Amino acid sequence: MKNTMFDQLNYLMVLAEEQNITRAADRLFISQPALTVYLNRLERDLGVRLFDRSTNPIRITEAGTYYISELEKICNMQDRLARDLLQFNSDPDLKLNLGIGRNRGTIWLPMTLPRLQRMFPDAEISVSEDRDVNMIEKVLHGVLDMAVVETYVYNAKLSYLRLPQEFHLFLVPRSIPLMKSYDLTGNSMTHPLDVDAERLSNELFICPSVKGSMNRHTQWMCTAYNFHPKRTMFISNAVTVYQMVANGMGIAFENAAYSHFVHTEEKPVFVMPGGSPTSFRIYVVFNAKRITPLHRTFMQLLHDAIGETLYGRKFEMEYM
C-alpha cells in the first residue's frame, strides 16, 4: 500500500468526493478492505476521526476537512520545492508544468503535446490532472505554470486566455428504435437532433461516477430538461462511455469532441432538446510574469487545436 504524502492526499480527496469506500477504492485501483485498513491506521495514528462512517453516505468530519486542507498546502510546497531544485540543473525556459482535467486532457493533449515536443525537443513537460480549484491555486503559488480550466475565478495576480467553447450534448445510439423515425442527414455536434428529453427516459442512461465538472453538468442538464431516466449506470471513464453509446448501449451527456478522436464503426447521434448544443467556456490560467516562449507556444497549439477540431477554423487569441 502506498504511503507517501501525495498518495495520502489523493486517497482522502477521493474518499471525500465519493463518500463511499467501495467506489473510492475502485477509482484508486485498490481493494476496499485495503483502503479501509489504510484509513483505520491513519485515523489511529492521527488520533482523530477524519470520516464519520456511521452514516450512509459517509461524511468527512471537521477534523478531516482541516487535515486535507493543510496536507494539500504541504504537498504544494513540496511540489514547488522539487521544481525549484530541478531548475538548478536545467533551463527554466524549457520547462512546462501543466494542469488539466483528466477527461479534457484525454481529448486535447494528444493533439498538442507531441507537436510541442517536436518544436522544443529539449523541453521538460509534466502534466498534473486535478480539479479546477486545486489547479488554479497551484498556478497562483507557482507549483504549476498554467492550467486548463472551465472555472473563471478572477485573481489580479493571474492572466487568462479564453479558449474556443466546447460542446456538450446527448449522445444516443443510432440503433435504438426512436432514431429510426428521424432524418439523421447532417446531424453533427453543431446541428444536433431536436428531441424532447422525456422521449429518452426509457433508455439506459450512463452517468459520470466521479464527482467533478461532468457530473455537475449532467445533473444540471437533467434538471434543466426535466430528464428522469428509469435506469442508470455509473462509469468514470468518458472514453468508455462514448464507445458504449456508439456501439448501441445506453445514452450519455458528454463532450462532443470525443467523436473526433475515438474511432468507432459508427458515430452516435448528437441530440439536444431545442436543437442547439450546450456550450462551455474554457480558459488557460497562468502567471504572465513567468511565461516563456514554450508556454506561449503550447497555448497557441491548444487554442488552434480546439478551434480547428470543433469549428473548422482558427480564432484570434483572446487574453483577459
Protein backbone atom coordinates (compact mmCIF):
# COMPACT_ATOMS: atom_id res chain seq x y z
CA MET A 1 0.00 0.00 0.00
CA LYS A 2 1.43 3.40 -0.95
CA ASN A 3 2.05 5.78 1.93
CA THR A 4 3.61 8.94 0.51
CA MET A 5 2.09 12.25 1.47
CA PHE A 6 0.81 12.78 -2.08
CA ASP A 7 -0.83 9.35 -2.15
CA GLN A 8 -2.41 10.04 1.22
CA LEU A 9 -3.86 13.30 -0.05
CA ASN A 10 -5.21 11.54 -3.16
CA TYR A 11 -6.86 8.79 -1.10
CA LEU A 12 -8.54 11.26 1.25
CA MET A 13 -9.73 13.59 -1.51
CA VAL A 14 -11.25 10.69 -3.47
CA LEU A 15 -12.97 9.43 -0.31
CA ALA A 16 -14.34 12.91 0.36
CA GLU A 17 -15.66 13.14 -3.21
CA GLU A 18 -17.18 9.67 -3.45
CA GLN A 19 -18.49 9.45 0.15
CA ASN A 20 -18.29 5.69 -0.30
CA ILE A 21 -15.29 3.46 0.44
CA THR A 22 -16.08 0.89 -2.26
CA ARG A 23 -16.40 3.49 -5.04
CA ALA A 24 -13.30 5.31 -3.80
CA ALA A 25 -11.32 2.06 -3.83
CA ASP A 26 -12.44 1.39 -7.42
CA ARG A 27 -11.19 4.80 -8.52
CA LEU A 28 -7.88 4.28 -6.72
CA PHE A 29 -7.42 0.78 -8.18
CA ILE A 30 -7.05 -0.81 -4.75
CA SER A 31 -9.28 -3.21 -2.83
CA GLN A 32 -11.99 -1.97 -0.47
CA PRO A 33 -10.54 -3.86 2.54
CA ALA A 34 -7.07 -2.38 1.87
CA LEU A 35 -8.49 1.17 1.77
CA THR A 36 -10.46 0.54 4.98
CA VAL A 37 -7.34 -0.75 6.77
CA TYR A 38 -5.37 2.24 5.50
CA LEU A 39 -7.98 4.72 6.76
CA ASN A 40 -8.24 2.95 10.14
CA ARG A 41 -4.45 3.08 10.59
CA LEU A 42 -4.23 6.73 9.57
CA GLU A 43 -7.04 7.78 11.93
CA ARG A 44 -5.41 5.79 14.76
CA ASP A 45 -2.03 7.44 14.15
CA LEU A 46 -3.57 10.92 14.00
CA GLY A 47 -5.85 10.33 16.98
CA VAL A 48 -8.93 11.80 15.26
CA ARG A 49 -11.76 10.64 13.02
CA LEU A 50 -11.39 12.00 9.50
CA PHE A 51 -14.66 10.47 8.27
CA ASP A 52 -17.91 9.62 10.03
CA ARG A 53 -18.61 6.11 8.78
CA SER A 54 -21.74 5.65 10.86
CA THR A 55 -23.77 7.42 8.16
CA ASN A 56 -24.59 6.46 4.59
CA PRO A 57 -23.07 8.11 2.64
CA ILE A 58 -20.02 8.59 4.86
CA ARG A 59 -19.29 12.20 5.81
CA ILE A 60 -16.00 13.99 6.20
CA THR A 61 -15.55 15.40 9.70
CA GLU A 62 -14.44 18.92 10.59
CA ALA A 63 -11.04 17.46 11.52
CA GLY A 64 -10.92 15.65 8.17
CA THR A 65 -11.65 18.84 6.24
CA TYR A 66 -8.92 20.70 8.13
CA TYR A 67 -6.41 17.88 7.71
CA ILE A 68 -6.94 17.61 3.94
CA SER A 69 -6.65 21.40 3.57
CA GLU A 70 -3.35 21.55 5.47
CA LEU A 71 -1.99 18.41 3.80
CA GLU A 72 -2.71 19.95 0.39
CA LYS A 73 -0.69 23.04 1.34
CA ILE A 74 2.25 20.86 2.39
CA CYS A 75 2.09 18.86 -0.85
CA ASN A 76 2.01 22.07 -2.89
CA MET A 77 5.08 23.32 -1.03
CA GLN A 78 6.89 20.03 -1.69
CA ASP A 79 5.93 20.21 -5.37
CA ARG A 80 7.26 23.73 -5.64
CA LEU A 81 10.45 22.87 -3.75
CA ALA A 82 11.16 19.90 -6.02
CA ARG A 83 10.54 22.02 -9.10
CA ASP A 84 12.76 24.84 -7.81
CA LEU A 85 15.61 22.42 -7.09
CA LEU A 86 15.42 20.97 -10.60
CA GLN A 87 15.87 24.43 -12.06
CA PHE A 88 19.48 24.41 -10.83
CA ASN A 89 20.20 21.59 -13.30
CA SER A 90 18.04 22.58 -16.27
CA ASP A 91 16.93 25.52 -18.36
CA PRO A 92 13.82 27.02 -16.71
CA ASP A 93 12.70 28.36 -20.08
CA LEU A 94 12.32 24.78 -21.32
CA LYS A 95 10.05 23.55 -18.51
CA LEU A 96 6.27 23.32 -18.63
CA ASN A 97 4.28 22.19 -15.60
CA LEU A 98 0.73 21.90 -16.90
CA GLY A 99 -2.52 21.22 -15.09
CA ILE A 100 -5.60 19.85 -16.87
CA GLY A 101 -8.63 17.73 -16.01
CA ARG A 102 -8.35 14.03 -16.79
CA ASN A 103 -11.12 13.84 -19.40
CA ARG A 104 -10.21 17.12 -21.10
CA GLY A 105 -6.57 16.06 -21.19
CA THR A 106 -7.58 12.83 -22.92
CA ILE A 107 -9.04 14.88 -25.75
CA TRP A 108 -6.59 17.73 -26.29
CA LEU A 109 -3.15 16.66 -25.05
CA PRO A 110 -2.58 14.05 -27.81
CA MET A 111 -3.28 16.82 -30.34
CA THR A 112 -0.88 19.32 -28.79
CA LEU A 113 1.97 17.84 -26.71
CA PRO A 114 3.58 15.74 -29.49
CA ARG A 115 3.74 18.83 -31.72
CA LEU A 116 5.11 20.91 -28.84
CA GLN A 117 7.81 18.31 -28.13
CA ARG A 118 8.87 18.31 -31.79
CA MET A 119 9.15 22.11 -31.73
CA PHE A 120 11.04 22.09 -28.39
CA PRO A 121 12.87 18.72 -28.33
CA ASP A 122 14.72 19.56 -25.10
CA ALA A 123 11.58 20.65 -23.22
CA GLU A 124 10.74 19.03 -19.89
CA ILE A 125 6.95 18.69 -19.75
CA SER A 126 4.97 17.45 -16.77
CA VAL A 127 1.18 17.08 -16.55
CA SER A 128 -0.93 17.21 -13.39
CA GLU A 129 -4.56 16.03 -13.51
CA ASP A 130 -6.65 17.70 -10.84
CA ARG A 131 -9.80 19.67 -10.07
CA ASP A 132 -10.09 23.25 -11.32
CA VAL A 133 -9.98 24.88 -7.89
CA ASN A 134 -6.81 22.99 -6.93
CA MET A 135 -5.07 23.75 -10.22
CA ILE A 136 -5.83 27.47 -10.01
CA GLU A 137 -4.37 27.51 -6.50
CA LYS A 138 -1.24 25.72 -7.74
CA VAL A 139 -0.77 28.26 -10.55
CA LEU A 140 -1.15 31.06 -8.03
CA HIS A 141 1.59 29.58 -5.84
CA GLY A 142 3.93 28.68 -8.68
CA VAL A 143 3.53 24.90 -8.48
CA LEU A 144 2.02 24.87 -11.99
CA ASP A 145 2.96 27.17 -14.85
CA MET A 146 -0.56 27.08 -16.27
CA ALA A 147 -3.81 25.16 -16.06
CA VAL A 148 -6.70 24.48 -18.43
CA VAL A 149 -9.93 25.05 -16.52
CA GLU A 150 -13.59 25.86 -17.05
CA THR A 151 -13.89 27.80 -13.81
CA TYR A 152 -13.26 31.52 -14.25
CA VAL A 153 -12.11 32.83 -10.89
CA TYR A 154 -10.58 36.29 -11.26
CA ASN A 155 -7.33 36.97 -9.44
CA ALA A 156 -5.29 40.10 -10.12
CA LYS A 157 -2.05 38.08 -10.00
CA LEU A 158 -3.15 35.74 -12.79
CA SER A 159 -3.81 36.08 -16.53
CA TYR A 160 -6.32 34.21 -18.66
CA LEU A 161 -6.57 33.01 -22.25
CA ARG A 162 -10.12 32.39 -23.39
CA LEU A 163 -10.29 29.21 -25.48
CA PRO A 164 -12.97 28.36 -28.07
CA GLN A 165 -16.08 26.89 -26.49
CA GLU A 166 -16.61 23.14 -26.20
CA PHE A 167 -19.95 21.45 -26.90
CA HIS A 168 -21.78 19.05 -24.58
CA LEU A 169 -24.79 17.09 -25.83
CA PHE A 170 -26.76 13.89 -25.50
CA LEU A 171 -25.09 11.02 -27.32
CA VAL A 172 -27.67 8.45 -28.49
CA PRO A 173 -27.10 5.12 -30.32
CA ARG A 174 -28.22 5.09 -33.93
CA SER A 175 -29.64 1.61 -33.40
CA ILE A 176 -32.42 2.43 -30.91
CA PRO A 177 -35.96 2.38 -32.42
CA LEU A 178 -36.57 6.06 -31.61
CA MET A 179 -33.82 7.19 -34.00
CA LYS A 180 -35.37 5.34 -36.95
CA SER A 181 -38.17 7.91 -37.06
CA TYR A 182 -35.79 10.84 -37.63
CA ASP A 183 -33.82 12.05 -40.64
CA LEU A 184 -30.22 11.99 -39.43
CA THR A 185 -28.78 13.67 -42.52
CA GLY A 186 -26.46 16.48 -41.45
CA ASN A 187 -26.53 15.51 -37.79
CA SER A 188 -23.44 16.91 -36.05
CA MET A 189 -22.34 18.47 -32.79
CA THR A 190 -23.26 21.92 -34.12
CA HIS A 191 -26.57 20.68 -35.59
CA PRO A 192 -27.95 18.24 -33.02
CA LEU A 193 -31.27 16.48 -33.38
CA ASP A 194 -34.08 18.25 -31.52
CA VAL A 195 -35.65 15.55 -29.33
CA ASP A 196 -37.61 16.06 -26.11
CA ALA A 197 -35.59 14.62 -23.22
CA GLU A 198 -38.67 12.79 -21.96
CA ARG A 199 -38.59 10.57 -25.07
CA LEU A 200 -35.16 9.29 -23.97
CA SER A 201 -36.16 8.39 -20.42
CA ASN A 202 -36.76 4.69 -21.18
CA GLU A 203 -33.18 4.18 -22.37
CA LEU A 204 -30.29 3.25 -20.09
CA PHE A 205 -28.53 6.46 -19.02
CA ILE A 206 -24.75 6.28 -18.42
CA CYS A 207 -23.74 8.88 -15.86
CA PRO A 208 -20.27 10.01 -14.66
CA SER A 209 -19.39 8.27 -11.40
CA VAL A 210 -16.66 10.74 -10.48
CA LYS A 211 -17.82 13.85 -8.66
CA GLY A 212 -16.38 16.51 -10.93
CA SER A 213 -17.37 19.01 -13.59
CA MET A 214 -19.04 16.48 -15.92
CA ASN A 215 -21.06 15.11 -13.02
CA ARG A 216 -22.25 18.65 -12.23
CA HIS A 217 -23.02 19.34 -15.90
CA THR A 218 -25.03 16.13 -16.12
CA GLN A 219 -27.05 16.95 -13.00
CA TRP A 220 -27.73 20.43 -14.33
CA MET A 221 -28.82 19.01 -17.68
CA CYS A 222 -31.21 16.53 -16.08
CA THR A 223 -32.79 19.31 -14.03
CA ALA A 224 -32.94 21.87 -16.85
CA TYR A 225 -34.62 19.48 -19.31
CA ASN A 226 -36.73 17.56 -16.80
CA PHE A 227 -34.92 14.36 -17.71
CA HIS A 228 -35.61 11.44 -15.35
CA PRO A 229 -34.10 8.21 -16.69
CA LYS A 230 -35.61 4.98 -15.41
CA ARG A 231 -32.28 3.09 -15.49
CA THR A 232 -28.84 4.44 -14.71
CA MET A 233 -25.29 3.08 -14.91
CA PHE A 234 -22.27 4.89 -13.43
CA ILE A 235 -18.90 4.84 -15.26
CA SER A 236 -15.96 7.19 -14.64
CA ASN A 237 -14.07 6.80 -17.94
CA ALA A 238 -15.62 9.11 -20.54
CA VAL A 239 -13.96 7.32 -23.47
CA THR A 240 -15.54 4.04 -22.35
CA VAL A 241 -18.92 5.77 -22.16
CA TYR A 242 -18.58 7.15 -25.70
CA GLN A 243 -17.62 3.74 -27.09
CA MET A 244 -20.53 2.04 -25.34
CA VAL A 245 -23.05 4.52 -26.75
CA ALA A 246 -21.55 4.31 -30.24
CA ASN A 247 -21.85 0.52 -30.04
CA GLY A 248 -25.52 0.65 -29.12
CA MET A 249 -25.67 0.58 -25.30
CA GLY A 250 -27.14 3.49 -23.36
CA ILE A 251 -27.24 7.24 -23.84
CA ALA A 252 -24.97 9.82 -22.22
CA PHE A 253 -24.39 13.55 -21.84
CA GLU A 254 -20.79 14.17 -22.90
CA ASN A 255 -18.22 16.42 -24.50
CA ALA A 256 -18.89 16.05 -28.23
CA ALA A 257 -15.16 16.34 -29.03
CA TYR A 258 -14.74 12.62 -28.27
CA SER A 259 -16.24 11.93 -31.70
CA HIS A 260 -13.08 13.37 -33.30
CA PHE A 261 -10.53 11.01 -31.81
CA VAL A 262 -12.39 7.94 -30.52
CA HIS A 263 -12.78 5.75 -33.60
CA THR A 264 -15.88 3.53 -33.69
CA GLU A 265 -17.68 1.74 -36.51
CA GLU A 266 -20.37 4.40 -36.48
CA LYS A 267 -20.84 7.61 -34.54
CA PRO A 268 -23.66 8.15 -32.08
CA VAL A 269 -26.43 10.62 -32.84
CA PHE A 270 -25.99 14.11 -31.38
CA VAL A 271 -29.20 15.12 -29.62
CA MET A 272 -30.22 18.24 -27.70
CA PRO A 273 -33.72 19.45 -26.74
CA GLY A 274 -34.30 22.68 -28.64
CA GLY A 275 -31.78 21.81 -31.34
CA SER A 276 -28.86 23.86 -30.01
CA PRO A 277 -25.75 22.42 -28.36
CA THR A 278 -24.83 23.30 -24.81
CA SER A 279 -21.51 25.12 -24.87
CA PHE A 280 -18.94 25.65 -22.13
CA ARG A 281 -16.20 28.25 -21.88
CA ILE A 282 -12.72 27.04 -21.01
CA TYR A 283 -9.60 29.01 -20.14
CA VAL A 284 -5.87 28.73 -19.72
CA VAL A 285 -4.92 30.41 -16.45
CA PHE A 286 -1.27 31.43 -15.98
CA ASN A 287 1.08 33.91 -14.35
CA ALA A 288 2.15 36.35 -17.07
CA LYS A 289 5.35 37.23 -15.17
CA ARG A 290 6.66 33.66 -15.56
CA ILE A 291 5.55 32.97 -19.14
CA THR A 292 8.12 31.65 -21.67
CA PRO A 293 8.10 31.02 -25.44
CA LEU A 294 7.46 27.33 -24.64
CA HIS A 295 4.37 28.24 -22.63
CA ARG A 296 3.04 30.62 -25.28
CA THR A 297 3.55 28.01 -27.99
CA PHE A 298 1.56 25.43 -26.02
CA MET A 299 -1.30 27.90 -25.57
CA GLN A 300 -1.28 28.66 -29.29
CA LEU A 301 -1.31 24.96 -30.19
CA LEU A 302 -4.15 24.21 -27.78
CA HIS A 303 -6.18 27.22 -28.92
CA ASP A 304 -5.76 26.24 -32.59
CA ALA A 305 -6.49 22.55 -31.97
CA ILE A 306 -9.83 23.33 -30.33
CA GLY A 307 -10.82 25.86 -32.99
CA GLU A 308 -9.88 23.67 -35.95
CA THR A 309 -11.36 20.47 -34.47
CA LEU A 310 -14.70 21.88 -33.31
CA TYR A 311 -15.21 24.78 -35.74
CA GLY A 312 -13.00 24.00 -38.72
CA ARG A 313 -11.04 27.25 -38.41
CA LYS A 314 -8.63 29.21 -36.24
CA PHE A 315 -9.64 32.05 -33.93
CA GLU A 316 -7.79 35.10 -32.74
CA MET A 317 -6.19 34.65 -29.33
CA GLU A 318 -8.24 36.45 -26.69
CA TYR A 319 -6.42 37.25 -23.45
CA MET A 320 -8.27 38.54 -20.43
